[in-house]
Protein backbone atom coordinates (compact mmCIF):
# COMPACT_ATOMS: atom_id res chain seq x y z
CA MET A 1 87.10 -78.08 43.69
CA SER A 2 87.06 -79.71 47.08
CA GLU A 3 90.54 -80.95 47.96
CA GLY A 4 91.01 -84.52 46.76
CA SER A 5 87.27 -85.24 46.44
CA GLY A 6 86.56 -84.35 42.81
CA ARG A 7 83.48 -82.47 44.07
CA LEU A 8 82.84 -79.40 41.95
CA ARG A 9 81.04 -76.17 42.76
CA ILE A 10 79.06 -75.44 39.60
CA ALA A 11 76.88 -72.37 39.00
CA PHE A 12 74.19 -72.23 36.29
CA LEU A 13 73.31 -68.70 35.13
CA GLY A 14 71.34 -67.03 32.36
CA THR A 15 68.07 -69.02 32.43
CA ARG A 16 64.71 -68.59 34.13
CA GLY A 17 65.78 -71.29 36.54
CA VAL A 18 64.09 -74.39 37.90
CA PRO A 19 61.65 -76.09 38.22
CA ALA A 20 61.69 -76.16 34.42
CA ARG A 21 58.51 -74.64 33.02
CA TYR A 22 59.55 -72.61 30.03
CA GLY A 23 62.04 -73.86 27.48
CA GLY A 24 65.13 -75.79 26.53
CA PHE A 25 67.61 -74.01 28.76
CA GLU A 26 65.52 -74.60 31.87
CA THR A 27 64.96 -78.24 30.96
CA ALA A 28 68.71 -78.73 30.46
CA VAL A 29 69.56 -77.08 33.77
CA GLU A 30 67.04 -79.24 35.64
CA GLU A 31 68.00 -82.52 33.97
CA VAL A 32 71.77 -81.93 34.07
CA GLY A 33 71.94 -80.04 37.35
CA SER A 34 69.92 -82.62 39.27
CA ARG A 35 72.13 -85.43 37.99
CA LEU A 36 75.31 -83.56 38.87
CA ALA A 37 73.93 -82.87 42.35
CA ALA A 38 73.09 -86.57 42.75
CA ARG A 39 76.73 -87.33 41.88
CA GLY A 40 77.88 -85.20 44.80
CA HIS A 41 78.60 -81.86 43.12
CA ASP A 42 77.51 -78.58 44.68
CA VAL A 43 75.11 -77.13 42.11
CA ARG A 44 73.80 -73.57 42.37
CA VAL A 45 71.06 -72.38 39.99
CA TYR A 46 70.07 -68.74 39.57
CA CYS A 47 66.30 -68.36 39.15
CA ARG A 48 63.99 -65.49 38.31
CA THR A 49 61.51 -64.61 41.02
CA GLY A 50 57.83 -65.14 40.26
CA GLY A 51 57.60 -68.93 40.04
CA GLU A 52 58.40 -71.11 43.05
CA ALA A 53 59.11 -68.04 45.17
CA GLY A 54 61.61 -68.62 47.93
CA ARG A 55 62.12 -72.36 47.38
CA PRO A 56 65.72 -72.92 48.53
CA GLU A 57 66.34 -76.27 46.85
CA HIS A 58 65.07 -78.41 43.99
CA LEU A 59 66.20 -81.96 43.21
CA GLY A 60 69.42 -81.44 45.16
CA MET A 61 70.25 -78.09 43.50
CA ARG A 62 70.58 -74.93 45.60
CA LEU A 63 68.42 -72.13 44.20
CA VAL A 64 69.07 -68.40 44.29
CA HIS A 65 66.00 -66.29 43.45
CA LEU A 66 66.63 -62.82 42.02
CA PRO A 67 64.32 -60.32 40.26
CA ALA A 68 64.40 -59.23 36.63
CA LEU A 69 63.01 -56.29 34.69
CA ARG A 70 59.87 -57.55 32.91
CA ARG A 71 60.73 -56.12 29.51
CA LYS A 72 61.56 -58.24 26.49
CA SER A 73 64.87 -56.51 25.80
CA LEU A 74 66.02 -56.35 29.43
CA GLU A 75 64.64 -59.36 31.27
CA THR A 76 67.51 -61.76 30.57
CA LEU A 77 70.27 -59.17 30.88
CA SER A 78 68.98 -57.62 34.10
CA HIS A 79 68.65 -60.99 35.79
CA THR A 80 72.06 -62.20 34.65
CA ALA A 81 73.67 -58.96 35.86
CA LEU A 82 72.22 -59.53 39.33
CA SER A 83 73.20 -63.21 39.20
CA VAL A 84 76.81 -62.40 38.39
CA GLY A 85 76.89 -59.81 41.17
CA HIS A 86 75.53 -62.32 43.65
CA LEU A 87 77.95 -64.99 42.48
CA LEU A 88 80.94 -62.67 42.92
CA ALA A 89 79.83 -61.78 46.44
CA ALA A 90 78.72 -65.25 47.53
CA GLY A 91 81.92 -67.11 46.77
CA ARG A 92 83.84 -68.28 43.74
CA PRO A 93 82.53 -71.46 42.09
CA ASP A 94 84.85 -73.84 40.29
CA VAL A 95 82.94 -73.42 37.02
CA ALA A 96 80.18 -71.18 35.70
CA MET A 97 77.79 -72.51 33.06
CA VAL A 98 76.29 -69.45 31.37
CA PHE A 99 73.34 -69.95 29.01
CA ASN A 100 72.49 -67.62 26.11
CA ALA A 101 75.04 -65.75 24.01
CA ALA A 102 73.22 -62.52 24.91
CA ASN A 103 74.88 -62.78 28.34
CA SER A 104 78.41 -62.56 26.88
CA PRO A 105 79.10 -59.02 28.19
CA PHE A 106 79.09 -60.41 31.74
CA LEU A 107 81.82 -62.98 31.11
CA PRO A 108 84.78 -60.63 31.87
CA ALA A 109 83.48 -60.14 35.42
CA LEU A 110 83.64 -63.89 35.96
CA ARG A 111 87.02 -64.19 34.31
CA ALA A 112 88.34 -61.41 36.55
CA LEU A 113 87.87 -63.81 39.47
CA ARG A 114 89.47 -66.57 37.41
CA VAL A 115 86.19 -68.48 37.19
CA PRO A 116 86.27 -70.70 34.08
CA VAL A 117 83.18 -70.11 31.95
CA ALA A 118 81.35 -72.38 29.51
CA LEU A 119 78.86 -70.47 27.34
CA HIS A 120 75.86 -72.30 25.88
CA VAL A 121 75.32 -70.23 22.75
CA ASP A 122 71.75 -71.37 21.98
CA GLY A 123 70.61 -70.95 18.36
CA LEU A 124 70.71 -68.20 15.76
CA GLU A 125 68.85 -65.73 17.95
CA TRP A 126 69.57 -62.76 15.68
CA ARG A 127 67.26 -64.38 13.12
CA ARG A 128 64.25 -64.03 15.38
CA ALA A 129 61.77 -61.34 14.32
CA LYS A 130 61.45 -60.01 17.87
CA TRP A 131 65.12 -58.94 17.76
CA ALA A 132 64.89 -56.77 14.66
CA GLY A 133 67.02 -53.62 14.47
CA ALA A 134 69.02 -52.91 17.63
CA GLY A 135 68.21 -56.31 19.14
CA ARG A 136 69.58 -58.11 16.10
CA ALA A 137 72.75 -55.99 16.14
CA TYR A 138 73.20 -56.74 19.83
CA TYR A 139 72.95 -60.50 19.33
CA LEU A 140 75.45 -60.40 16.47
CA LEU A 141 77.87 -58.48 18.70
CA ALA A 142 77.21 -60.79 21.65
CA GLU A 143 78.19 -63.81 19.54
CA CYS A 144 81.56 -62.17 18.83
CA LEU A 145 82.12 -61.38 22.51
CA GLY A 146 81.12 -64.88 23.58
CA VAL A 147 83.64 -66.46 21.21
CA ARG A 148 86.35 -64.12 22.50
CA TRP A 149 85.67 -64.33 26.24
CA ALA A 150 84.27 -67.80 27.00
CA ASP A 151 86.67 -70.58 27.94
CA ALA A 152 84.45 -73.09 26.14
CA LEU A 153 81.43 -72.93 23.87
CA ILE A 154 78.53 -75.38 24.06
CA ALA A 155 76.41 -76.04 20.97
CA ASP A 156 73.34 -78.27 21.21
CA ALA A 157 73.26 -79.11 17.48
CA GLU A 158 75.78 -79.90 14.78
CA GLY A 159 74.37 -77.06 12.69
CA ILE A 160 75.17 -74.53 15.44
CA ALA A 161 78.67 -75.95 15.87
CA GLU A 162 79.21 -75.66 12.11
CA TYR A 163 78.05 -72.04 12.16
CA TYR A 164 80.58 -71.04 14.87
CA ARG A 165 83.29 -72.96 13.07
CA ALA A 166 82.58 -71.26 9.74
CA GLU A 167 81.93 -67.75 11.06
CA PHE A 168 84.53 -67.53 13.86
CA ALA A 169 86.95 -70.47 13.38
CA ALA A 170 85.82 -71.45 16.89
CA GLU A 171 85.32 -75.03 18.03
CA SER A 172 82.40 -75.98 20.25
CA ASN A 173 81.58 -78.76 22.66
CA GLN A 174 78.59 -80.35 20.97
CA ILE A 175 76.19 -81.45 23.73
CA ALA A 176 72.58 -82.03 22.74
CA TYR A 177 69.60 -82.29 25.04
CA GLY A 178 68.08 -85.57 26.17
CA ALA A 179 64.84 -87.13 24.96
CA PRO A 180 62.83 -88.69 27.80
CA ILE A 181 61.22 -91.96 26.76
CA VAL A 182 57.64 -91.78 28.01
CA ALA A 183 54.56 -94.02 27.81
CA PRO A 184 52.09 -91.90 29.78
CA GLY A 185 48.80 -93.52 28.74
CA ALA A 186 45.81 -91.54 27.52
CA GLY A 187 43.45 -91.28 30.48
CA ARG A 188 43.66 -87.51 30.84
CA LEU A 189 42.88 -86.59 27.23
CA VAL A 190 39.21 -86.51 28.19
CA GLU A 191 40.01 -83.38 30.23
CA VAL A 192 40.61 -81.49 27.00
CA GLY A 193 37.98 -83.38 25.00
CA LEU A 194 40.28 -85.44 22.78
CA LEU A 195 40.54 -89.06 21.66
CA PRO A 196 43.84 -90.95 21.33
CA GLY A 197 45.18 -90.74 17.79
CA ARG A 198 42.38 -88.40 16.72
CA TYR A 199 44.09 -85.02 16.56
CA HIS A 200 47.14 -83.30 15.09
CA LEU A 201 49.37 -81.41 17.53
CA ALA A 202 51.69 -78.39 17.51
CA VAL A 203 53.55 -77.22 20.63
CA ALA A 204 55.52 -73.97 20.46
CA ARG A 205 55.90 -70.44 21.73
CA PHE A 206 54.03 -68.04 19.50
CA GLU A 207 56.99 -66.60 17.61
CA PRO A 208 57.30 -66.25 13.82
CA GLU A 209 60.41 -68.44 13.66
CA ASN A 210 58.41 -71.35 15.08
CA HIS A 211 56.09 -71.14 12.07
CA LEU A 212 52.79 -71.68 13.80
CA HIS A 213 51.30 -69.39 11.15
CA LEU A 214 52.56 -71.80 8.49
CA VAL A 215 51.23 -74.84 10.36
CA VAL A 216 47.79 -73.29 10.87
CA GLU A 217 47.57 -71.90 7.34
CA GLY A 218 48.59 -75.26 5.86
CA TYR A 219 46.12 -77.10 8.04
CA VAL A 220 43.28 -74.75 7.03
CA ARG A 221 44.18 -75.27 3.36
CA SER A 222 43.94 -79.04 3.82
CA GLY A 223 40.99 -81.35 3.90
CA ALA A 224 42.18 -82.83 7.19
CA ARG A 225 39.42 -84.53 9.12
CA LEU A 226 41.07 -84.49 12.53
CA PRO A 227 41.35 -81.25 14.53
CA LEU A 228 44.60 -79.36 14.98
CA VAL A 229 45.44 -78.77 18.65
CA VAL A 230 47.88 -75.91 19.33
CA VAL A 231 49.66 -75.66 22.68
CA GLY A 232 51.74 -72.62 23.57
CA THR A 233 51.90 -69.09 24.91
CA ALA A 234 53.29 -65.77 23.75
CA PRO A 235 54.85 -63.60 26.46
CA TYR A 236 55.71 -60.76 24.06
CA SER A 237 53.90 -61.61 20.81
CA ASP A 238 50.32 -60.35 21.01
CA GLN A 239 50.24 -59.25 17.38
CA TYR A 240 51.64 -62.53 16.09
CA THR A 241 49.24 -64.50 18.30
CA ALA A 242 46.32 -62.56 16.84
CA THR A 243 47.56 -63.32 13.33
CA VAL A 244 47.75 -67.05 14.00
CA HIS A 245 44.28 -67.07 15.51
CA ALA A 246 42.94 -65.15 12.52
CA LEU A 247 44.31 -67.80 10.16
CA ALA A 248 42.46 -70.61 11.95
CA ASP A 249 39.09 -72.13 11.19
CA ASP A 250 36.77 -73.94 13.60
CA ARG A 251 38.81 -77.16 13.33
CA VAL A 252 41.74 -75.54 15.17
CA ARG A 253 41.79 -75.64 18.97
CA PHE A 254 44.10 -73.37 20.98
CA LEU A 255 44.79 -74.77 24.45
CA GLY A 256 47.19 -72.06 25.58
CA GLY A 257 50.07 -73.09 27.82
CA VAL A 258 49.93 -76.61 29.26
CA TRP A 259 52.22 -76.71 32.30
CA ASP A 260 51.02 -80.10 33.54
CA GLN A 261 53.79 -82.39 32.27
CA GLU A 262 51.73 -85.56 32.49
CA LEU A 263 48.95 -84.07 30.36
CA LEU A 264 51.46 -82.62 27.90
CA ASP A 265 53.17 -86.01 27.57
CA GLN A 266 49.82 -87.63 26.87
CA LEU A 267 49.15 -85.05 24.15
CA TYR A 268 52.49 -85.91 22.53
CA ALA A 269 52.09 -89.66 22.90
CA ASN A 270 48.59 -89.87 21.44
CA CYS A 271 48.63 -87.41 18.56
CA ALA A 272 48.08 -88.53 14.98
CA THR A 273 50.98 -86.27 13.95
CA TYR A 274 53.19 -83.72 15.68
CA LEU A 275 53.95 -80.60 13.60
CA HIS A 276 57.24 -78.93 14.48
CA GLY A 277 57.93 -75.56 12.90
CA HIS A 278 60.98 -74.41 14.89
CA SER A 279 63.75 -73.11 12.66
CA VAL A 280 66.50 -71.15 14.47
CA GLY A 281 67.02 -72.61 17.93
CA GLY A 282 69.21 -75.66 17.44
CA THR A 283 68.08 -78.97 18.95
CA ASN A 284 64.62 -78.34 20.36
CA PRO A 285 63.38 -79.96 23.59
CA SER A 286 59.75 -80.04 22.37
CA LEU A 287 60.84 -82.11 19.40
CA LEU A 288 62.86 -84.43 21.61
CA ARG A 289 59.91 -84.84 23.97
CA ALA A 290 57.67 -85.64 21.00
CA ILE A 291 59.93 -88.34 19.60
CA GLY A 292 60.44 -89.76 23.09
CA ALA A 293 56.68 -90.24 23.18
CA GLY A 294 56.70 -91.90 19.75
CA ALA A 295 54.89 -89.10 17.93
CA PRO A 296 54.91 -89.23 14.09
CA CYS A 297 56.57 -85.96 13.07
CA LEU A 298 56.12 -83.37 10.33
CA ALA A 299 58.98 -80.89 10.68
CA TYR A 300 60.15 -77.64 9.16
CA ASP A 301 63.04 -78.42 6.83
CA VAL A 302 66.19 -77.06 8.47
CA PRO A 303 69.43 -78.88 9.39
CA PHE A 304 68.66 -78.78 13.14
CA ASN A 305 65.46 -80.78 12.67
CA ARG A 306 67.02 -83.19 10.17
CA ASP A 307 69.88 -83.82 12.61
CA VAL A 308 67.33 -85.08 15.13
CA LEU A 309 64.83 -86.82 12.86
CA ALA A 310 66.78 -87.91 9.76
CA GLU A 311 64.47 -90.19 7.74
CA ALA A 312 61.97 -90.62 10.58
CA ALA A 313 59.89 -87.58 9.55
CA GLU A 314 58.22 -85.79 6.68
CA TYR A 315 59.38 -82.21 6.08
CA PHE A 316 57.71 -78.98 4.99
CA VAL A 317 58.68 -75.44 3.99
CA THR A 318 55.40 -73.98 2.73
CA ALA A 319 51.73 -74.07 3.72
CA PRO A 320 50.87 -76.33 0.74
CA ASP A 321 53.54 -78.75 1.99
CA VAL A 322 51.76 -78.87 5.35
CA ALA A 323 48.39 -79.43 3.69
CA ARG A 324 49.68 -82.31 1.55
CA ALA A 325 51.49 -83.94 4.49
CA LEU A 326 48.44 -83.83 6.75
CA GLU A 327 46.15 -85.28 4.10
CA ALA A 328 48.67 -88.02 3.38
CA ALA A 329 48.97 -88.80 7.10
CA GLU A 330 45.22 -89.28 7.40
CA THR A 331 45.01 -91.23 4.16
CA ASP A 332 47.68 -93.74 5.24
CA PRO A 333 47.72 -94.00 9.04
CA TYR A 334 49.78 -97.20 8.85
CA ALA A 335 52.70 -95.32 7.27
CA THR A 336 52.15 -92.53 9.80
CA ALA A 337 52.32 -95.01 12.68
CA ARG A 338 55.57 -96.42 11.29
CA ARG A 339 57.04 -92.89 11.44
CA GLY A 340 56.11 -92.85 15.12
CA ILE A 341 58.07 -96.05 15.66
CA ARG A 342 61.08 -94.55 13.89
CA SER A 343 60.73 -91.42 16.04
CA LEU A 344 61.10 -93.55 19.16
CA GLU A 345 64.16 -95.24 17.71
CA ARG A 346 65.74 -91.82 17.10
CA ALA A 347 64.89 -90.72 20.64
CA ARG A 348 67.07 -93.43 22.15
CA ARG A 349 70.10 -91.56 20.77
CA TYR A 350 69.42 -88.66 23.18
CA ASP A 351 70.05 -89.83 26.73
CA TRP A 352 70.11 -87.38 29.66
CA GLU A 353 72.66 -89.48 31.56
CA GLU A 354 75.07 -89.14 28.64
CA VAL A 355 74.32 -85.43 28.44
CA ALA A 356 75.12 -85.07 32.15
CA ASP A 357 78.33 -87.06 31.60
CA ALA A 358 79.39 -84.57 28.91
CA TYR A 359 78.68 -81.56 31.14
CA GLU A 360 80.54 -83.18 34.03
CA THR A 361 83.55 -83.93 31.82
CA LEU A 362 83.60 -80.35 30.52
CA ALA A 363 83.22 -78.86 34.01
CA THR A 364 86.03 -81.03 35.38
CA ARG A 365 88.36 -80.08 32.52
CA LEU A 366 87.67 -76.36 33.00
CA ALA A 367 88.10 -76.59 36.77
CA VAL A 368 91.42 -78.41 36.44
CA ASP A 369 92.85 -76.39 33.57
CA GLY A 370 91.49 -73.00 34.64
CA PRO A 371 90.63 -70.14 32.27
CA VAL A 372 91.90 -70.53 28.72
CA ARG A 373 94.68 -68.10 27.85
CA VAL A 374 94.21 -68.00 24.09
CA ARG A 375 90.77 -67.88 22.52
CA PRO A 376 89.58 -67.11 18.96
CA SER A 377 89.51 -63.40 18.16
CA GLY A 378 85.75 -63.15 17.73
CA HIS A 379 86.19 -61.59 14.28
CA ARG A 380 83.64 -62.69 11.75
CA ALA A 381 84.36 -64.39 8.44
CA GLY A 382 81.19 -62.85 7.02
CA VAL A 383 79.21 -66.02 6.30
CA ALA A 384 76.35 -65.34 8.73
CA ALA A 385 74.07 -63.62 6.22
CA THR A 386 74.38 -66.40 3.66
CA TRP A 387 74.93 -69.37 5.96
CA GLY A 388 73.01 -72.50 4.96
CA VAL A 389 69.90 -72.39 7.19
CA PRO A 390 66.81 -71.15 5.31
CA SER A 391 65.34 -67.89 6.56
CA PRO A 392 62.04 -68.22 8.43
CA GLN A 393 58.94 -68.01 6.23
CA PRO A 394 57.17 -64.63 6.32
CA VAL A 395 53.96 -64.21 8.27
CA PRO A 396 51.03 -63.73 5.88
CA ALA A 397 49.43 -60.30 5.89
CA VAL A 398 45.97 -61.57 4.95
CA GLN A 399 43.82 -64.47 6.05
CA VAL A 400 43.61 -67.59 3.92
CA ALA A 401 40.22 -68.85 2.89
CA PRO A 402 39.20 -71.77 5.12
CA VAL A 403 38.22 -75.08 3.61
CA PRO A 404 34.44 -75.20 3.14
CA ALA A 405 32.75 -77.27 5.82
CA ALA A 406 31.06 -79.37 3.15
CA ARG A 407 34.44 -80.43 1.80
CA VAL A 408 35.67 -81.48 5.23
CA ALA A 409 32.48 -83.41 5.99
CA ALA A 410 32.64 -85.15 2.62
CA THR A 411 36.10 -86.61 3.23
CA ALA A 412 35.05 -89.10 5.91
CA PRO A 413 31.55 -88.58 7.26
CA GLU A 414 31.35 -92.05 8.75
CA LEU A 415 34.31 -91.60 11.10
CA VAL A 416 33.75 -91.23 14.84
CA PRO A 417 33.93 -87.61 16.09
CA ALA A 418 37.49 -86.35 16.51
CA VAL A 419 36.56 -84.23 19.54
CA LEU A 420 34.63 -85.69 22.44
CA GLU A 421 31.71 -84.24 24.25
CA PRO A 422 32.62 -83.29 27.86
CA GLY A 423 32.85 -86.31 30.11
CA VAL A 424 32.86 -88.89 27.30
CA LEU A 425 35.85 -91.17 26.79
CA ALA A 426 36.16 -93.74 24.06
CA PRO A 427 39.37 -95.59 23.16
CA ALA A 428 40.83 -95.30 19.67
CA PRO A 429 43.98 -97.22 18.67
CA ARG A 430 46.87 -95.49 16.88
CA LEU A 431 46.64 -98.03 14.05
CA ARG A 432 43.28 -97.99 12.34
CA ALA A 433 41.61 -98.34 8.93
CA PRO A 434 42.88 -95.78 6.45
CA PHE A 435 41.08 -92.47 6.16
CA PRO A 436 39.39 -91.75 2.83
CA ARG A 437 41.59 -89.51 0.72
CA ALA A 438 40.68 -85.82 0.89
CA SER A 439 39.43 -84.43 -2.38
């Protein structure tokens, strides 16, 4: 800490870096780091090469670009190892903010220089299908090491904080993400051939725990009139992606990754419903972005999602749940629109300025107090296997039968087309006459 100034040197490690184009960690680093830099702190962010190559600064944050091994099991660890090495050589920061419990083995190197460390533990990563076997065992071990070696834990959801309390008798600093309040208009929907309020939306990485298979299967089982638009990519999930595509019928549109934030915000803000299937990652930035845009939500029923949405959403666990919820949403768009209003009310509870305040308070405390002498042991109580979050739903091995086209056409043949022809734009208000009930 600079003598008498209160100015902190803060390093952010363990993410893909900024500009934020991938997930929750990167969004948090950009939103929090830029605010801390604007308050006069010296913020250093470690980034993986391959994006904005060589950019030295972003929104007041100093960037350090380092390579990573492009393998699922080694990408994060290899980059964090290089980041820690660079940090040790480049000069001791006042505080290190390390993201992802998988990076716990690197904490002793930071502590050896008496650098206080806050570890953002993320969600229940060992429940992800991609970490089966050795990967799952590693994440379970990494949680133990993080509890033992970090000077502070950060949990972005009450459910995650409860898990660490129950499993390790370890307290966490509960700091959620922010929900940007956006009103982006609808002018760019024509670029992807959509009308405002005339499509259902899902935004997620293609991973089983995000339940896109459940969303698509439920949609195909339904008599929904509006198309389902799916946004997302799958860096390491070719087989799962193929499964999700195989479950779809011709009403489902896959847009791939949408990196244009304005267009993505318009997709959120103008959807008839937003379907959120995430189940293991704590408070999810996609969900927060959706409610900040006033999207009516249908969410997978886990504590993390209920913490965010409470009574502002409908919930599902099975494909038939999804089918019923979508048909009900189209049958009563007035009730659906009211859920969108409640979503926006919930979003105002998640303010990035308050999130930055919490990080700044934590960083100042760690810098002043220094490394913690006594931490929890990291021994497990044995509740992880039976802890109260439902396991992700299995991916179906066979395709479901799509709804016959005649049934879909019979539900509301007089409605305007849900998908536009190229170059055609016609306004459609969020509130409209109810859809005929699907048979």
